[in-house]
Amino acid sequence: MKKNILFFLILVSAFISFGIVKYKELNAPTIAIINTENIDYNYFHSQSKTVEILRNLNNINNNFYKILVGTTEGNMVIQKYEKSVLDKLAGEILFIQFTEKVKGLNLNKDQLFNDVKNQINEIFLSSNLSENDILLYLISKGFENKEQYIYNIYHKKLYQKAISEIYKYLLSNVDVSEKEIETEYSKNKNRYYTPQSADLKLVFFKTSDDASLAYQKIIDGYYMFDDIYNKKISSNEATEIKIDIENNNNDLVNTIRTSFPGAILKPMKYNENYFSLIKIEKKYPKKQMTLEEAKQKIIENIKDEKAKQLFNKLITTEFEKFKNNSEIIINSKFFKGDEKSGN
């Protein structure tokens, strides 16, 4: 799903253009009004993070920073950057509005905002940082206040949720025939297989020394791994898992793939609290799936491809129409430009 969201984000971004764009003097802190929805100063700067960019420039080259913020030409460059941010933000907000108003999908915006706000407040509260320290932290991340930080996370989640809901909506309107399933399987058989895998037995120890001692006693033949696993020797927690060993980028997976069934691996850290001994119980080779075994995966792949095509069509037709009929009013106190081009 993450891969699909990224695909859709890129596709939406490629079609950002607007219908009616006007420049008017608006009361602060409003930066723009998008179809009657106010975008205020904090919401906008939660995306631009101009403070962070300027601070970094100052650290890299103080003379360049002074020219940028201290001259008319420099300020025009900053404004041009911020206008590009506003264009992107407006396009995303229009898509969110389209999702709700045209497609009728409920994004539960108020609930999402409150959840994000409460979560951030809880994090800061549990950190025991003073208000001043929190502000310094936020400034180091490019935010002028906590509200901008909340808006930054909220908007990202809301936009991704809009994409996700549209994707699910499109999937629900896709059908796959038996003929399509058979054709996909015959054309792309090599895509449908069960990967190499292994059954592992794990025993957990609270310290590295305990794990190492148990390992040495198994190697020396004092007792068997399964004696520990079955709690005949100790009461350590144990479990059995099955893992995919196709991934070549993981050292543990590489070790398991090149080791034989029955091998006991040297003690290793499992997480912050435990060390583990691992026994390779059984290994399974890569295996071609039958049509019946692959059917569900085939259906998902076909639906996904159809949903992408429908999304492309939706962007170039329905969403394009919605944007062209939308009105964006930009505060001329912050930005000045050509209403016809929206620049």
Protein backbone atom coordinates (compact mmCIF):
# COMPACT_ATOMS: atom_id res chain seq x y z
CA MET A 1 0.00 0.00 0.00
CA LYS A 2 2.88 2.41 0.76
CA LYS A 3 4.22 1.91 -2.76
CA ASN A 4 0.77 2.66 -4.21
CA ILE A 5 0.42 5.83 -2.13
CA LEU A 6 3.81 7.06 -3.40
CA PHE A 7 2.71 6.37 -7.00
CA PHE A 8 -0.52 8.32 -6.50
CA LEU A 9 1.25 11.21 -4.73
CA ILE A 10 3.56 11.62 -7.70
CA LEU A 11 0.66 11.39 -10.14
CA VAL A 12 -1.37 14.07 -8.35
CA SER A 13 1.67 16.36 -8.15
CA ALA A 14 2.17 16.07 -11.89
CA PHE A 15 -1.28 17.54 -12.52
CA ILE A 16 -1.20 20.57 -10.21
CA SER A 17 -2.75 23.50 -12.07
CA PHE A 18 -5.56 25.76 -11.02
CA GLY A 19 -8.72 27.35 -12.29
CA ILE A 20 -9.69 30.74 -10.85
CA VAL A 21 -6.85 32.43 -8.95
CA LYS A 22 -7.38 35.89 -7.42
CA TYR A 23 -5.15 38.17 -5.36
CA LYS A 24 -6.86 40.23 -2.65
CA GLU A 25 -5.93 41.86 0.61
CA LEU A 26 -7.09 39.44 3.31
CA ASN A 27 -7.03 39.84 7.06
CA ALA A 28 -4.06 38.27 8.82
CA PRO A 29 -3.24 35.52 9.55
CA THR A 30 -4.96 34.19 6.38
CA ILE A 31 -2.50 33.34 3.61
CA ALA A 32 -5.08 32.01 1.13
CA ILE A 33 -8.67 30.87 0.82
CA ILE A 34 -9.23 27.68 -1.18
CA ASN A 35 -12.90 27.15 -1.99
CA THR A 36 -13.88 29.02 1.21
CA GLU A 37 -11.34 27.03 3.29
CA ASN A 38 -8.94 29.36 5.11
CA ILE A 39 -5.23 28.54 5.07
CA ASP A 40 -3.63 30.53 7.86
CA TYR A 41 -0.02 31.52 8.51
CA ASN A 42 0.80 28.54 10.72
CA TYR A 43 -0.74 25.98 8.36
CA PHE A 44 1.20 27.40 5.43
CA HIS A 45 4.55 27.65 7.23
CA SER A 46 4.16 24.12 8.58
CA GLN A 47 4.87 23.15 4.97
CA SER A 48 7.34 25.84 3.88
CA LYS A 49 9.71 25.57 6.91
CA THR A 50 11.37 28.77 5.67
CA VAL A 51 12.87 29.34 9.13
CA GLU A 52 14.87 26.10 8.93
CA ILE A 53 16.07 26.79 5.39
CA LEU A 54 17.25 30.31 6.23
CA ARG A 55 18.93 29.16 9.43
CA ASN A 56 20.84 26.45 7.55
CA LEU A 57 21.89 28.97 4.90
CA ASN A 58 23.12 31.32 7.62
CA ASN A 59 25.23 28.49 9.09
CA ILE A 60 26.70 27.61 5.70
CA ASN A 61 27.33 31.10 4.34
CA ASN A 62 26.48 34.16 6.41
CA ASN A 63 27.16 36.61 3.54
CA PHE A 64 24.79 34.77 1.21
CA TYR A 65 22.17 34.73 3.98
CA LYS A 66 22.46 38.50 4.51
CA ILE A 67 22.04 39.18 0.79
CA LEU A 68 19.06 36.84 0.60
CA VAL A 69 17.14 38.37 3.51
CA GLY A 70 18.49 41.92 3.24
CA THR A 71 17.87 42.80 -0.40
CA THR A 72 14.77 43.20 -2.56
CA GLU A 73 16.08 40.62 -5.04
CA GLY A 74 16.79 38.15 -2.25
CA ASN A 75 13.33 38.58 -0.79
CA MET A 76 11.83 37.95 -4.23
CA VAL A 77 13.68 34.60 -4.33
CA ILE A 78 12.29 33.67 -0.90
CA GLN A 79 8.80 34.68 -2.00
CA LYS A 80 9.12 32.65 -5.20
CA TYR A 81 10.05 29.60 -3.12
CA GLU A 82 7.15 30.15 -0.73
CA LYS A 83 4.75 30.61 -3.66
CA SER A 84 5.83 27.22 -5.04
CA VAL A 85 5.10 25.74 -1.61
CA LEU A 86 1.67 27.41 -1.60
CA ASP A 87 0.93 25.97 -5.07
CA LYS A 88 1.79 22.47 -3.90
CA LEU A 89 -0.20 22.86 -0.69
CA ALA A 90 -3.20 24.24 -2.60
CA GLY A 91 -3.11 21.26 -4.97
CA GLU A 92 -3.09 18.83 -2.05
CA ILE A 93 -5.91 20.64 -0.25
CA LEU A 94 -7.96 20.64 -3.45
CA PHE A 95 -7.47 16.88 -3.70
CA ILE A 96 -8.59 16.47 -0.09
CA GLN A 97 -11.66 18.59 -0.83
CA PHE A 98 -12.32 16.58 -3.99
CA THR A 99 -12.17 13.34 -1.99
CA GLU A 100 -14.75 14.59 0.47
CA LYS A 101 -17.05 16.77 -1.66
CA VAL A 102 -17.06 15.00 -5.02
CA LYS A 103 -16.42 11.37 -4.08
CA GLY A 104 -18.28 11.64 -0.75
CA LEU A 105 -15.58 9.87 1.27
CA ASN A 106 -15.39 10.79 4.95
CA LEU A 107 -11.84 11.56 6.10
CA ASN A 108 -12.84 12.34 9.70
CA LYS A 109 -10.62 15.44 9.64
CA ASP A 110 -11.54 16.71 13.10
CA GLN A 111 -10.84 13.33 14.69
CA LEU A 112 -7.52 13.03 12.86
CA PHE A 113 -6.44 16.52 13.94
CA ASN A 114 -7.36 15.88 17.57
CA ASP A 115 -5.54 12.54 17.53
CA VAL A 116 -2.37 14.15 16.16
CA LYS A 117 -2.61 17.06 18.60
CA ASN A 118 -3.15 14.80 21.61
CA GLN A 119 -0.33 12.48 20.59
CA ILE A 120 2.15 15.34 20.21
CA ASN A 121 1.07 16.91 23.50
CA GLU A 122 1.53 13.57 25.26
CA ILE A 123 5.01 13.15 23.78
CA PHE A 124 6.11 16.59 24.93
CA LEU A 125 4.50 16.11 28.34
CA SER A 126 6.30 12.79 28.90
CA SER A 127 9.61 14.35 27.80
CA ASN A 128 9.63 16.60 30.90
CA LEU A 129 11.04 19.42 28.75
CA SER A 130 10.25 23.00 29.69
CA GLU A 131 8.16 25.14 27.32
CA ASN A 132 11.32 27.02 26.34
CA ASP A 133 13.20 23.78 25.58
CA ILE A 134 10.27 22.53 23.52
CA LEU A 135 10.27 25.78 21.54
CA LEU A 136 14.02 25.51 20.91
CA TYR A 137 13.53 21.94 19.71
CA LEU A 138 10.73 23.00 17.35
CA ILE A 139 12.80 25.87 15.96
CA SER A 140 15.67 23.42 15.33
CA LYS A 141 13.21 21.40 13.21
CA GLY A 142 12.07 24.44 11.24
CA PHE A 143 8.86 25.32 13.11
CA GLU A 144 8.10 28.62 14.83
CA ASN A 145 5.66 27.08 17.31
CA LYS A 146 3.91 23.87 18.34
CA GLU A 147 0.89 24.60 16.14
CA GLN A 148 3.02 24.49 13.00
CA TYR A 149 4.49 21.18 14.08
CA ILE A 150 1.00 19.75 14.63
CA TYR A 151 -0.21 21.06 11.26
CA ASN A 152 2.81 19.55 9.50
CA ILE A 153 2.08 16.03 10.74
CA TYR A 154 -1.70 16.43 10.42
CA HIS A 155 -1.60 17.61 6.81
CA LYS A 156 0.73 14.81 5.75
CA LYS A 157 -1.53 12.19 7.35
CA LEU A 158 -4.69 13.80 5.95
CA TYR A 159 -3.36 13.96 2.39
CA GLN A 160 -2.15 10.36 2.51
CA LYS A 161 -5.51 9.33 3.95
CA ALA A 162 -7.29 11.02 1.04
CA ILE A 163 -5.08 9.11 -1.41
CA SER A 164 -5.69 5.86 0.48
CA GLU A 165 -9.46 6.33 0.56
CA ILE A 166 -9.59 7.08 -3.17
CA TYR A 167 -7.48 3.99 -3.83
CA LYS A 168 -9.80 1.80 -1.75
CA TYR A 169 -12.82 3.38 -3.47
CA LEU A 170 -11.37 2.56 -6.89
CA LEU A 171 -10.50 -1.00 -5.84
CA SER A 172 -14.09 -1.55 -4.73
CA ASN A 173 -15.24 -0.72 -8.26
CA VAL A 174 -12.88 -3.15 -9.99
CA ASP A 175 -13.89 -6.64 -11.15
CA VAL A 176 -11.54 -9.40 -12.27
CA SER A 177 -12.68 -12.21 -14.57
CA GLU A 178 -11.46 -15.82 -14.57
CA LYS A 179 -10.10 -15.23 -18.05
CA GLU A 180 -7.97 -12.32 -16.82
CA ILE A 181 -6.63 -14.46 -13.97
CA GLU A 182 -5.66 -17.29 -16.34
CA THR A 183 -4.04 -14.87 -18.81
CA GLU A 184 -2.01 -13.13 -16.10
CA TYR A 185 -0.81 -16.45 -14.71
CA SER A 186 0.25 -17.82 -18.11
CA LYS A 187 2.06 -14.59 -19.07
CA ASN A 188 3.78 -13.94 -15.74
CA LYS A 189 4.21 -17.34 -14.13
CA ASN A 190 7.62 -16.40 -12.76
CA ARG A 191 6.01 -13.71 -10.57
CA TYR A 192 4.00 -16.25 -8.62
CA TYR A 193 6.03 -18.48 -6.35
CA THR A 194 6.55 -19.24 -2.69
CA PRO A 195 9.96 -17.82 -1.68
CA GLN A 196 12.71 -19.69 0.11
CA SER A 197 11.77 -19.88 3.77
CA ALA A 198 12.82 -21.44 7.04
CA ASP A 199 11.21 -22.57 10.28
CA LEU A 200 13.17 -21.26 13.27
CA LYS A 201 13.09 -22.07 16.95
CA LEU A 202 14.11 -19.23 19.28
CA VAL A 203 14.95 -19.29 22.97
CA PHE A 204 15.27 -15.94 24.77
CA PHE A 205 17.77 -14.97 27.49
CA LYS A 206 17.94 -11.83 29.60
CA THR A 207 21.71 -11.42 29.25
CA SER A 208 24.37 -12.13 26.68
CA ASP A 209 26.31 -14.21 29.22
CA ASP A 210 23.32 -16.50 29.86
CA ALA A 211 22.82 -17.02 26.12
CA SER A 212 26.53 -17.69 25.55
CA LEU A 213 26.70 -20.20 28.42
CA ALA A 214 23.69 -22.12 27.10
CA TYR A 215 25.16 -22.12 23.59
CA GLN A 216 28.51 -23.48 24.81
CA LYS A 217 26.87 -26.26 26.80
CA ILE A 218 24.87 -27.31 23.73
CA ILE A 219 28.03 -27.31 21.58
CA ASP A 220 29.90 -29.30 24.25
CA GLY A 221 27.12 -31.89 24.32
CA TYR A 222 25.85 -31.37 27.86
CA TYR A 223 22.29 -31.04 26.59
CA MET A 224 20.25 -30.50 23.42
CA PHE A 225 18.80 -27.25 22.11
CA ASP A 226 15.30 -28.76 22.30
CA ASP A 227 15.81 -29.45 26.02
CA ILE A 228 15.98 -25.69 26.55
CA TYR A 229 13.26 -24.97 23.99
CA ASN A 230 10.87 -27.44 25.67
CA LYS A 231 11.84 -26.00 29.09
CA LYS A 232 13.32 -29.28 30.37
CA ILE A 233 16.51 -27.46 31.37
CA SER A 234 15.31 -23.88 32.04
CA SER A 235 12.14 -21.79 32.07
CA ASN A 236 13.28 -19.35 29.38
CA GLU A 237 10.65 -18.02 26.98
CA ALA A 238 10.69 -19.67 23.54
CA THR A 239 8.83 -19.45 20.26
CA GLU A 240 8.81 -20.77 16.69
CA ILE A 241 8.57 -18.60 13.59
CA LYS A 242 8.69 -18.95 9.80
CA ILE A 243 10.71 -16.37 7.84
CA ASP A 244 11.31 -15.50 4.20
CA ILE A 245 15.01 -15.96 3.33
CA GLU A 246 14.95 -14.43 -0.17
CA ASN A 247 16.31 -11.07 1.06
CA ASN A 248 20.05 -10.90 0.33
CA ASN A 249 20.59 -7.62 2.19
CA ASN A 250 20.13 -9.02 5.68
CA ASP A 251 23.12 -10.67 7.40
CA LEU A 252 20.96 -12.97 9.54
CA VAL A 253 18.94 -14.10 6.52
CA ASN A 254 22.17 -14.75 4.59
CA THR A 255 23.47 -16.86 7.48
CA ILE A 256 20.26 -18.88 7.68
CA ARG A 257 20.15 -19.40 3.92
CA THR A 258 23.71 -20.76 3.82
CA SER A 259 23.33 -22.92 6.95
CA PHE A 260 21.90 -26.44 7.10
CA PRO A 261 18.71 -27.52 8.90
CA GLY A 262 19.50 -28.37 12.51
CA ALA A 263 22.22 -25.71 12.77
CA ILE A 264 22.28 -23.62 15.95
CA LEU A 265 23.41 -20.05 15.42
CA LYS A 266 25.65 -18.18 17.81
CA PRO A 267 23.87 -16.00 20.41
CA MET A 268 22.66 -12.65 19.12
CA LYS A 269 20.79 -9.62 20.40
CA TYR A 270 17.07 -9.96 19.70
CA ASN A 271 15.82 -6.60 21.00
CA GLU A 272 16.52 -4.13 23.79
CA ASN A 273 15.54 -6.64 26.47
CA TYR A 274 16.58 -10.08 25.21
CA PHE A 275 19.31 -12.14 23.57
CA SER A 276 18.43 -15.29 21.66
CA LEU A 277 19.63 -18.66 20.48
CA ILE A 278 18.27 -19.69 17.10
CA LYS A 279 17.94 -23.19 15.70
CA ILE A 280 17.14 -23.72 12.02
CA GLU A 281 14.42 -26.33 12.25
CA LYS A 282 13.53 -26.74 8.59
CA LYS A 283 14.18 -25.04 5.24
CA TYR A 284 11.90 -24.80 2.20
CA PRO A 285 13.09 -24.13 -1.38
CA LYS A 286 11.60 -21.60 -3.75
CA LYS A 287 8.53 -23.17 -5.35
CA GLN A 288 6.32 -22.32 -8.30
CA MET A 289 2.70 -21.68 -7.24
CA THR A 290 -0.15 -23.43 -8.96
CA LEU A 291 -2.86 -21.27 -10.50
CA GLU A 292 -5.11 -21.96 -7.53
CA GLU A 293 -2.38 -21.13 -5.01
CA ALA A 294 -1.55 -17.88 -6.83
CA LYS A 295 -5.13 -16.84 -7.50
CA GLN A 296 -5.55 -14.34 -4.67
CA LYS A 297 -2.23 -12.68 -5.40
CA ILE A 298 -3.09 -12.49 -9.10
CA ILE A 299 -6.42 -10.85 -8.32
CA GLU A 300 -4.68 -8.28 -6.10
CA ASN A 301 -2.12 -7.48 -8.81
CA ILE A 302 -4.76 -7.09 -11.52
CA LYS A 303 -6.94 -4.93 -9.27
CA ASP A 304 -3.97 -2.79 -8.34
CA GLU A 305 -3.08 -2.19 -11.99
CA LYS A 306 -6.69 -1.37 -12.87
CA ALA A 307 -6.95 0.97 -9.87
CA LYS A 308 -3.84 2.84 -11.07
CA GLN A 309 -5.38 3.27 -14.52
CA LEU A 310 -8.65 4.47 -12.99
CA PHE A 311 -6.74 6.87 -10.75
CA ASN A 312 -4.95 8.33 -13.76
CA LYS A 313 -8.29 8.80 -15.51
CA LEU A 314 -9.85 10.30 -12.37
CA ILE A 315 -7.03 12.85 -12.08
CA THR A 316 -7.25 13.94 -15.72
CA THR A 317 -11.06 14.14 -15.80
CA GLU A 318 -13.00 14.48 -12.54
CA PHE A 319 -10.28 16.09 -10.45
CA GLU A 320 -9.21 18.35 -13.30
CA LYS A 321 -12.82 19.56 -13.65
CA PHE A 322 -13.05 20.14 -9.89
CA LYS A 323 -9.85 22.21 -9.92
CA ASN A 324 -10.95 24.28 -12.90
CA ASN A 325 -14.18 25.14 -11.09
CA SER A 326 -12.38 25.94 -7.85
CA GLU A 327 -11.49 29.40 -6.60
CA ILE A 328 -8.24 30.28 -4.87
CA ILE A 329 -7.86 33.69 -3.28
CA ILE A 330 -4.27 34.58 -2.33
CA ASN A 331 -3.50 37.29 0.20
CA SER A 332 -1.79 40.06 -1.79
CA LYS A 333 -0.11 41.26 1.42
CA PHE A 334 2.09 38.14 1.21
CA PHE A 335 2.12 37.39 -2.53
CA LYS A 336 1.65 39.47 -5.65
CA GLY A 337 1.17 37.96 -9.08
CA ASP A 338 -0.69 37.56 -12.30
CA GLU A 339 -4.23 36.30 -11.65
CA LYS A 340 -4.45 34.70 -15.11
CA SER A 341 -1.41 32.52 -14.67
CA GLY A 342 -1.58 32.26 -10.89
CA ASN A 343 2.11 33.18 -10.62
